[in-house]
């Protein structure tokens, strides 16, 4: 009995007061899209005055354009879309170009010649950060560091690490030359929905040729290809080509001599090959003119090779970051990877610029609003090359060249070295940053 008495005494001694019990609830980790939106709210609100409307547009479905396949049988709007209300970008482009007038505007060829001669008579321009850009990059003379002009702080943001990346070259100056009018490629047939009308294009379908009849892409994605202004028989490199939309736009222009479509990821290269095979006829002629490669541009050693290069670099991809959580670059575990993006972009751009022939041009593009990944990377790449190599470059001012598209896209005036298409609900394209750089020596 003593055993059972001991058990009873033990039970009575152990008395729980339920009022003091606290249950541990695991803290929910924030989603990548939530982190991205919070990051943008803190950062972009100090950069863009109209950030609230841009934020709304980013969170809404973006607008597409349909790029008609030049090798398909039917390319007219009626044949492709029936009674769907669409406009041809070519018509809108030349209508606005007529309003602009071309009397005092240099041609694109003239601007390239001016760039080639700049090595003899430099047209240097000191960046006017104060007047041109709300938040580009600036030099702190007291510390000798290249710092973002903002008081933005984030609990994960390593300011010291980032500022050490932007070390200026005090003697560096950038040539900025006005780009002439770009002649719209005659074989391009691109269709978009009117301003304020949110209609979905039907999915592409196979026509009698066995090829898909058009390719859907964000309307702003066509501008980097337009900025290349490819001339007949030029050798072109699309060095970050996957998924292939911009490569197709180059192909559909029918101006290039040879085209290299490259990507560093084997899986993306396979996707690129699938896209190309769905739109191009399987002939020996095209197999001789198109090369698909799987190389890291940072390891590129083919210098002085291309007349034109398109470098659509990996970036923070703002629209995708606020709408998709899968594999989001803003996930907490990917923070170190995200902080390396500007360094990787700068290395990619510096290496790709060396692959240009003298007189050749490179278009650098991103799908982010970040001044660091846009103007900042262009500045640092050119600054580094001025110290490390004998090459010389000039930046092409695309403001006049893109004037005919001002009614189709919403442009920001915040950039020094390029053009930035910003999300705007009635014209919900982008974001897309485009900078054109020409090798002069």
Protein backbone atom coordinates (compact mmCIF):
# COMPACT_ATOMS: atom_id res chain seq x y z
CA UNK A 1 0.00 0.00 0.00
CA UNK A 2 2.87 2.32 0.66
CA UNK A 3 3.72 2.26 -3.04
CA UNK A 4 0.24 3.43 -4.07
CA UNK A 5 0.23 6.04 -1.32
CA UNK A 6 3.47 7.43 -2.67
CA UNK A 7 1.99 7.64 -6.20
CA UNK A 8 -1.09 9.48 -4.86
CA UNK A 9 1.07 11.91 -2.93
CA UNK A 10 3.22 12.56 -6.02
CA UNK A 11 0.17 13.30 -8.19
CA UNK A 12 -1.21 15.72 -5.67
CA UNK A 13 2.15 17.49 -5.42
CA UNK A 14 2.32 18.01 -9.18
CA UNK A 15 -0.39 20.57 -9.76
CA UNK A 16 -0.56 22.64 -12.93
CA UNK A 17 -2.18 26.01 -13.01
CA UNK A 18 -3.67 26.12 -16.51
CA UNK A 19 -3.85 29.91 -16.38
CA UNK A 20 -0.06 30.08 -16.56
CA UNK A 21 0.43 27.65 -19.44
CA UNK A 22 1.83 29.33 -22.55
CA UNK A 23 1.83 27.49 -25.86
CA UNK A 24 4.70 28.25 -28.24
CA UNK A 25 3.52 29.31 -31.70
CA UNK A 26 6.25 29.18 -34.33
CA UNK A 27 6.85 32.54 -35.96
CA UNK A 28 5.80 32.60 -39.57
CA UNK A 29 8.62 33.42 -41.95
CA UNK A 30 7.81 36.29 -44.32
CA UNK A 31 7.31 35.30 -47.94
CA UNK A 32 9.79 36.45 -50.54
CA UNK A 33 7.18 38.63 -52.23
CA UNK A 34 6.42 40.33 -48.89
CA UNK A 35 10.10 41.05 -48.28
CA UNK A 36 10.47 42.39 -51.82
CA UNK A 37 7.47 44.70 -51.52
CA UNK A 38 8.66 46.01 -48.15
CA UNK A 39 12.13 46.56 -49.60
CA UNK A 40 10.72 48.48 -52.57
CA UNK A 41 8.40 50.56 -50.38
CA UNK A 42 11.36 51.75 -48.33
CA UNK A 43 13.81 52.14 -51.19
CA UNK A 44 11.84 53.27 -54.26
CA UNK A 45 9.57 55.68 -52.39
CA UNK A 46 12.59 57.96 -51.97
CA UNK A 47 13.60 57.55 -55.62
CA UNK A 48 10.32 57.88 -57.53
CA UNK A 49 7.75 60.52 -56.67
CA UNK A 50 4.96 58.46 -58.22
CA UNK A 51 5.95 55.23 -56.47
CA UNK A 52 2.39 54.49 -55.16
CA UNK A 53 0.99 54.26 -58.70
CA UNK A 54 4.03 52.30 -59.89
CA UNK A 55 3.56 49.92 -56.96
CA UNK A 56 -0.04 49.29 -57.93
CA UNK A 57 0.95 48.61 -61.52
CA UNK A 58 3.68 46.18 -60.43
CA UNK A 59 1.13 44.16 -58.48
CA UNK A 60 -1.28 44.00 -61.44
CA UNK A 61 -0.90 41.76 -64.51
CA UNK A 62 1.47 43.34 -67.01
CA UNK A 63 0.70 44.09 -70.65
CA UNK A 64 1.97 41.97 -73.50
CA UNK A 65 2.71 42.55 -77.14
CA UNK A 66 2.53 39.91 -79.86
CA UNK A 67 5.55 39.63 -82.15
CA UNK A 68 4.41 38.07 -85.43
CA UNK A 69 6.58 35.27 -86.80
CA UNK A 70 8.14 36.50 -90.03
CA UNK A 71 8.32 32.88 -91.26
CA UNK A 72 4.62 32.16 -90.67
CA UNK A 73 2.12 32.38 -93.53
CA UNK A 74 -0.30 34.86 -91.93
CA UNK A 75 0.99 37.98 -90.17
CA UNK A 76 -1.83 40.51 -90.38
CA UNK A 77 -3.75 41.55 -87.26
CA UNK A 78 -7.02 40.25 -88.70
CA UNK A 79 -5.57 36.85 -89.52
CA UNK A 80 -3.91 36.49 -86.13
CA UNK A 81 -6.47 38.03 -83.77
CA UNK A 82 -9.76 38.38 -85.62
CA UNK A 83 -11.80 41.27 -84.24
CA UNK A 84 -9.52 41.83 -81.22
CA UNK A 85 -8.76 45.55 -80.95
CA UNK A 86 -4.98 45.79 -81.44
CA UNK A 87 -2.55 48.35 -82.86
CA UNK A 88 0.57 47.79 -84.93
CA UNK A 89 3.61 49.29 -83.20
CA UNK A 90 5.13 50.18 -86.57
CA UNK A 91 2.19 52.48 -87.40
CA UNK A 92 2.35 54.17 -83.99
CA UNK A 93 6.12 54.58 -84.28
CA UNK A 94 6.10 56.33 -87.65
CA UNK A 95 3.08 58.44 -86.74
CA UNK A 96 4.94 59.87 -83.74
CA UNK A 97 8.16 60.13 -85.73
CA UNK A 98 6.33 62.34 -88.21
CA UNK A 99 5.23 64.64 -85.39
CA UNK A 100 8.81 64.85 -84.13
CA UNK A 101 10.29 65.82 -87.49
CA UNK A 102 13.79 64.87 -88.56
CA UNK A 103 15.30 68.10 -89.87
CA UNK A 104 17.76 68.71 -87.05
CA UNK A 105 18.01 65.17 -85.75
CA UNK A 106 21.12 63.17 -86.66
CA UNK A 107 20.73 59.73 -88.14
CA UNK A 108 21.83 56.70 -86.17
CA UNK A 109 24.79 56.28 -88.53
CA UNK A 110 25.88 59.85 -87.90
CA UNK A 111 25.77 59.34 -84.16
CA UNK A 112 27.93 56.22 -84.48
CA UNK A 113 30.46 58.16 -86.54
CA UNK A 114 30.47 60.86 -83.90
CA UNK A 115 31.18 58.20 -81.31
CA UNK A 116 34.06 56.79 -83.35
CA UNK A 117 35.61 60.23 -83.66
CA UNK A 118 35.28 61.00 -79.97
CA UNK A 119 38.64 59.36 -79.29
CA UNK A 120 40.23 62.16 -81.32
CA UNK A 121 38.15 65.00 -79.93
CA UNK A 122 36.65 63.82 -76.65
CA UNK A 123 33.16 65.05 -75.89
CA UNK A 124 33.43 64.45 -72.20
CA UNK A 125 30.51 65.16 -69.93
CA UNK A 126 30.59 65.31 -66.16
CA UNK A 127 27.53 63.46 -64.80
CA UNK A 128 24.93 65.98 -63.64
CA UNK A 129 23.57 63.92 -60.77
CA UNK A 130 21.87 66.75 -58.98
CA UNK A 131 19.73 67.91 -61.90
CA UNK A 132 19.29 64.72 -63.89
CA UNK A 133 18.57 62.01 -61.40
CA UNK A 134 16.70 61.74 -58.15
CA UNK A 135 18.82 58.91 -56.83
CA UNK A 136 21.71 57.75 -58.93
CA UNK A 137 25.14 57.47 -57.37
CA UNK A 138 27.44 60.09 -55.92
CA UNK A 139 30.91 60.53 -54.51
CA UNK A 140 31.50 61.26 -50.85
CA UNK A 141 34.78 63.19 -50.98
CA UNK A 142 35.41 62.80 -47.27
CA UNK A 143 35.45 59.01 -47.35
CA UNK A 144 36.30 58.35 -50.99
CA UNK A 145 33.35 55.98 -51.30
CA UNK A 146 30.71 55.67 -53.98
CA UNK A 147 27.45 55.87 -52.03
CA UNK A 148 23.76 55.70 -52.92
CA UNK A 149 22.18 59.14 -52.46
CA UNK A 150 19.53 58.01 -50.01
CA UNK A 151 18.97 57.52 -46.32
CA UNK A 152 17.41 54.14 -47.00
CA UNK A 153 18.28 51.54 -44.41
CA UNK A 154 17.13 47.96 -44.14
CA UNK A 155 17.66 45.58 -41.30
CA UNK A 156 19.38 43.14 -43.69
CA UNK A 157 21.10 45.79 -45.78
CA UNK A 158 24.88 45.78 -45.46
CA UNK A 159 25.64 49.40 -46.35
CA UNK A 160 29.37 49.10 -45.75
CA UNK A 161 29.62 46.05 -47.99
CA UNK A 162 27.65 47.70 -50.79
CA UNK A 163 29.43 51.04 -50.62
CA UNK A 164 32.80 49.33 -50.90
CA UNK A 165 31.69 48.10 -54.31
CA UNK A 166 31.27 51.65 -55.60
CA UNK A 167 34.85 52.89 -55.46
CA UNK A 168 35.16 55.78 -57.91
CA UNK A 169 37.88 56.60 -60.38
CA UNK A 170 38.35 60.35 -59.72
CA UNK A 171 39.64 61.02 -63.24
CA UNK A 172 36.89 59.12 -65.04
CA UNK A 173 34.57 61.02 -67.36
CA UNK A 174 31.91 59.60 -69.63
CA UNK A 175 31.28 60.58 -73.23
CA UNK A 176 27.53 61.03 -73.77
CA UNK A 177 26.45 61.39 -77.41
CA UNK A 178 22.95 62.02 -78.71
CA UNK A 179 21.66 58.97 -80.58
CA UNK A 180 19.98 59.57 -83.92
CA UNK A 181 16.65 58.31 -85.20
CA UNK A 182 16.29 54.54 -85.31
CA UNK A 183 14.67 53.16 -88.44
CA UNK A 184 12.03 50.66 -87.42
CA UNK A 185 12.80 47.18 -88.85
CA UNK A 186 10.62 46.74 -91.93
CA UNK A 187 9.89 43.06 -91.25
CA UNK A 188 8.66 43.60 -87.70
CA UNK A 189 4.92 43.21 -87.14
CA UNK A 190 4.21 43.77 -83.44
CA UNK A 191 0.76 44.23 -82.01
CA UNK A 192 -0.36 45.71 -78.71
CA UNK A 193 -3.65 46.61 -77.04
CA UNK A 194 -4.70 50.28 -76.84
CA UNK A 195 -3.97 52.34 -73.76
CA UNK A 196 -6.21 51.48 -70.82
CA UNK A 197 -7.69 48.35 -72.43
CA UNK A 198 -6.72 45.19 -70.62
CA UNK A 199 -7.29 42.38 -73.07
CA UNK A 200 -5.49 39.07 -73.19
CA UNK A 201 -3.99 37.84 -76.41
CA UNK A 202 -5.01 34.29 -77.32
CA UNK A 203 -2.17 31.78 -77.02
CA UNK A 204 0.00 31.34 -80.14
CA UNK A 205 -0.99 28.51 -82.43
CA UNK A 206 0.74 26.49 -85.14
CA UNK A 207 -0.11 27.51 -88.70
CA UNK A 208 0.20 25.60 -91.99
CA UNK A 209 3.99 25.98 -91.93
CA UNK A 210 4.19 24.00 -88.69
CA UNK A 211 5.57 27.05 -86.86
CA UNK A 212 3.99 29.10 -84.08
CA UNK A 213 2.48 32.27 -85.52
CA UNK A 214 3.59 34.82 -82.90
CA UNK A 215 5.50 35.21 -79.65
CA UNK A 216 4.08 36.94 -76.57
CA UNK A 217 6.39 39.13 -74.49
CA UNK A 218 6.29 42.19 -72.27
CA UNK A 219 6.01 45.13 -74.64
CA UNK A 220 9.00 46.87 -73.06
CA UNK A 221 11.23 43.88 -73.86
CA UNK A 222 11.29 44.85 -77.52
CA UNK A 223 13.04 48.17 -76.83
CA UNK A 224 16.54 46.76 -76.14
CA UNK A 225 16.41 45.03 -79.53
CA UNK A 226 15.19 48.21 -81.22
CA UNK A 227 18.01 50.16 -79.54
CA UNK A 228 20.59 47.82 -81.10
CA UNK A 229 19.64 49.28 -84.50
CA UNK A 230 21.06 46.22 -86.28
CA UNK A 231 22.35 46.89 -89.78
CA UNK A 232 22.65 44.46 -92.68
CA UNK A 233 25.06 41.54 -92.20
CA UNK A 234 26.24 42.62 -88.74
CA UNK A 235 27.44 39.95 -86.31
CA UNK A 236 25.20 40.03 -83.25
CA UNK A 237 25.54 38.40 -79.83
CA UNK A 238 22.62 37.87 -77.45
CA UNK A 239 24.75 36.84 -74.50
CA UNK A 240 22.04 36.21 -71.88
CA UNK A 241 19.49 34.94 -74.37
CA UNK A 242 17.06 32.64 -72.53
CA UNK A 243 14.08 32.30 -72.74
CA UNK A 244 14.55 33.58 -76.30
CA UNK A 245 12.05 36.38 -76.93
CA UNK A 246 14.68 39.00 -77.72
CA UNK A 247 16.62 36.54 -79.89
CA UNK A 248 13.44 35.94 -81.88
CA UNK A 249 12.94 39.68 -82.30
CA UNK A 250 16.49 39.93 -83.69
CA UNK A 251 15.80 37.02 -86.02
CA UNK A 252 12.46 38.41 -87.21
CA UNK A 253 14.19 41.66 -88.20
CA UNK A 254 16.17 39.73 -90.86
CA UNK A 255 19.06 42.21 -90.74
CA UNK A 256 21.86 40.32 -88.98
CA UNK A 257 24.67 38.37 -90.59
CA UNK A 258 25.34 35.85 -87.82
CA UNK A 259 23.71 35.54 -84.40
CA UNK A 260 25.17 33.95 -81.26
CA UNK A 261 22.51 33.05 -78.67
CA UNK A 262 24.24 32.30 -75.39
CA UNK A 263 23.22 31.48 -71.84
CA UNK A 264 25.23 30.26 -68.86
CA UNK A 265 22.60 27.75 -67.68
CA UNK A 266 22.26 24.46 -69.54
CA UNK A 267 18.57 24.15 -68.63
CA UNK A 268 17.89 27.63 -69.97
CA UNK A 269 19.86 26.84 -73.14
CA UNK A 270 17.64 23.80 -73.69
CA UNK A 271 14.57 26.01 -73.23
CA UNK A 272 16.05 28.51 -75.69
CA UNK A 273 16.57 25.77 -78.29
CA UNK A 274 12.95 24.67 -77.88
CA UNK A 275 11.70 28.22 -78.44
CA UNK A 276 13.88 28.74 -81.51
CA UNK A 277 12.81 25.44 -83.07
CA UNK A 278 9.15 26.40 -82.58
CA UNK A 279 9.51 29.58 -84.65
CA UNK A 280 12.30 28.99 -87.18
CA UNK A 281 12.27 26.78 -90.28
CA UNK A 282 14.63 23.84 -90.04
CA UNK A 283 16.99 24.67 -92.89
CA UNK A 284 20.76 24.60 -93.40
CA UNK A 285 20.73 28.33 -94.05
CA UNK A 286 19.59 29.13 -90.52
CA UNK A 287 21.82 26.53 -88.90
CA UNK A 288 24.80 28.34 -90.47
CA UNK A 289 23.67 31.78 -89.31
CA UNK A 290 22.67 30.93 -85.71
CA UNK A 291 24.92 29.51 -82.99
CA UNK A 292 23.53 28.51 -79.59
CA UNK A 293 26.20 28.34 -76.87
CA UNK A 294 26.37 27.52 -73.17
CA UNK A 295 29.08 29.76 -71.68
CA UNK A 296 29.46 32.06 -68.71
CA UNK A 297 30.03 35.54 -70.16
CA UNK A 298 32.42 36.28 -67.30
CA UNK A 299 34.74 33.65 -68.80
CA UNK A 300 34.32 34.98 -72.34
CA UNK A 301 37.59 35.33 -74.24
CA UNK A 302 36.24 36.17 -77.72
CA UNK A 303 37.29 39.81 -77.84
CA UNK A 304 36.70 42.16 -80.79
CA UNK A 305 34.09 39.76 -82.18
CA UNK A 306 30.70 41.48 -82.47
CA UNK A 307 29.20 44.49 -84.21
CA UNK A 308 26.24 44.48 -81.81
CA UNK A 309 25.71 42.84 -78.42
CA UNK A 310 22.55 42.52 -76.36
CA UNK A 311 23.25 41.95 -72.66
CA UNK A 312 20.00 41.40 -70.79
CA UNK A 313 21.58 40.61 -67.43
CA UNK A 314 20.12 38.67 -64.49
CA UNK A 315 18.66 41.15 -62.01
CA UNK A 316 16.26 41.40 -59.07
CA UNK A 317 13.32 41.25 -61.54
CA UNK A 318 11.02 43.58 -59.62
CA UNK A 319 7.68 42.53 -61.10
CA UNK A 320 8.33 38.83 -60.61
CA UNK A 321 9.69 39.43 -57.09
CA UNK A 322 6.45 41.02 -55.82
CA UNK A 323 4.09 38.50 -57.46
CA UNK A 324 5.80 35.10 -57.22
CA UNK A 325 7.14 33.33 -54.13
CA UNK A 326 8.70 30.27 -55.74
CA UNK A 327 12.49 30.64 -55.88
CA UNK A 328 12.14 34.35 -55.06
CA UNK A 329 15.46 36.23 -54.97
CA UNK A 330 14.20 38.12 -51.90
CA UNK A 331 13.85 34.97 -49.79
CA UNK A 332 15.86 35.33 -46.60
CA UNK A 333 18.09 32.38 -47.48
CA UNK A 334 19.01 34.06 -50.80
CA UNK A 335 20.04 37.39 -49.25
CA UNK A 336 23.81 36.88 -49.83
CA UNK A 337 23.06 35.95 -53.45
CA UNK A 338 20.97 39.08 -53.94
CA UNK A 339 23.72 41.31 -52.55
CA UNK A 340 26.10 39.95 -55.19
CA UNK A 341 23.87 40.92 -58.13
CA UNK A 342 25.48 44.34 -58.88
CA UNK A 343 28.98 42.85 -58.79
CA UNK A 344 27.99 40.06 -61.16
CA UNK A 345 26.27 42.52 -63.49
CA UNK A 346 29.35 44.76 -63.56
CA UNK A 347 31.63 41.85 -64.40
CA UNK A 348 29.26 40.67 -67.13
CA UNK A 349 29.08 44.15 -68.66
CA UNK A 350 32.83 44.77 -68.45
CA UNK A 351 33.61 41.46 -70.16
CA UNK A 352 30.93 41.85 -72.83
CA UNK A 353 32.15 45.33 -73.76
CA UNK A 354 35.56 43.87 -74.60
CA UNK A 355 33.87 41.59 -77.13
CA UNK A 356 32.79 44.58 -79.25
CA UNK A 357 34.57 45.59 -82.42
CA UNK A 358 35.67 49.22 -82.67
CA UNK A 359 32.54 51.14 -83.67
CA UNK A 360 30.30 48.37 -82.35
CA UNK A 361 27.57 48.91 -79.76
CA UNK A 362 26.23 47.04 -76.74
CA UNK A 363 22.78 47.41 -75.22
CA UNK A 364 22.67 46.70 -71.48
CA UNK A 365 19.20 45.99 -70.11
CA UNK A 366 17.52 44.93 -66.87
CA UNK A 367 13.95 44.47 -65.67
CA UNK A 368 14.44 46.35 -62.39
CA UNK A 369 13.92 49.91 -61.18
CA UNK A 370 17.06 49.77 -59.03
CA UNK A 371 19.42 52.71 -59.75
CA UNK A 372 22.30 50.60 -58.44
CA UNK A 373 21.70 47.80 -60.95
CA UNK A 374 21.04 50.26 -63.77
CA UNK A 375 23.05 53.50 -63.91
CA UNK A 376 25.31 52.30 -61.08
CA UNK A 377 26.49 49.19 -62.92
CA UNK A 378 27.02 51.07 -66.20
CA UNK A 379 29.10 53.69 -64.40
CA UNK A 380 31.24 51.18 -62.55
CA UNK A 381 31.85 48.98 -65.60
CA UNK A 382 32.99 51.95 -67.69
CA UNK A 383 35.05 53.30 -64.80
CA UNK A 384 36.78 49.95 -64.27
CA UNK A 385 37.53 49.53 -67.97
CA UNK A 386 39.05 53.01 -68.13
CA UNK A 387 41.61 51.82 -65.56
CA UNK A 388 42.14 48.23 -66.70
CA UNK A 389 42.09 48.36 -70.50
CA UNK A 390 43.02 50.55 -73.48
CA UNK A 391 39.42 50.45 -74.73
CA UNK A 392 37.36 53.64 -74.88
CA UNK A 393 33.58 53.92 -74.91
CA UNK A 394 30.79 56.44 -75.21
CA UNK A 395 27.21 56.28 -73.93
CA UNK A 396 24.44 56.88 -76.45
CA UNK A 397 21.63 59.15 -75.25
CA UNK A 398 18.48 57.33 -76.44
CA UNK A 399 15.96 59.99 -75.43
CA UNK A 400 15.42 61.22 -79.00
CA UNK A 401 15.63 57.72 -80.48
CA UNK A 402 12.79 56.55 -78.22
CA UNK A 403 10.65 59.67 -78.63
CA UNK A 404 8.28 57.97 -81.12
CA UNK A 405 7.37 55.46 -78.38
CA UNK A 406 6.52 58.01 -75.67
CA UNK A 407 2.77 57.51 -76.10
CA UNK A 408 3.05 53.74 -75.84
CA UNK A 409 5.39 53.50 -72.84
CA UNK A 410 5.77 55.45 -69.62
CA UNK A 411 9.36 56.71 -69.34
CA UNK A 412 11.16 57.91 -66.24
CA UNK A 413 13.47 60.93 -66.45
CA UNK A 414 15.61 59.76 -63.52
CA UNK A 415 18.45 58.11 -65.43
CA UNK A 416 21.83 59.36 -66.58
CA UNK A 417 23.04 56.60 -68.86
CA UNK A 418 19.86 55.03 -70.19
CA UNK A 419 16.10 55.01 -70.58
CA UNK A 420 13.80 53.48 -67.97
CA UNK A 421 10.28 52.25 -68.74
CA UNK A 422 8.27 52.29 -65.52
CA UNK A 423 5.05 50.41 -64.70
CA UNK A 424 1.97 52.57 -65.22
CA UNK A 425 -1.47 50.99 -64.98
CA UNK A 426 -2.93 52.19 -68.32
CA UNK A 427 0.36 51.20 -70.04
CA UNK A 428 1.50 48.39 -67.79
CA UNK A 429 4.84 47.45 -69.33
CA UNK A 430 8.21 47.04 -67.69
CA UNK A 431 10.13 47.87 -65.69
CA UNK A 432 12.86 47.88 -68.30
CA UNK A 433 16.16 49.77 -68.27
CA UNK A 434 18.06 50.24 -71.55
CA UNK A 435 21.56 51.71 -71.91
CA UNK A 436 23.49 51.76 -75.19
CA UNK A 437 27.29 51.91 -75.14
CA UNK A 438 29.54 52.25 -78.22
CA UNK A 439 33.18 51.27 -78.40
CA UNK A 440 35.19 54.16 -79.85
CA UNK A 441 38.73 52.78 -79.55
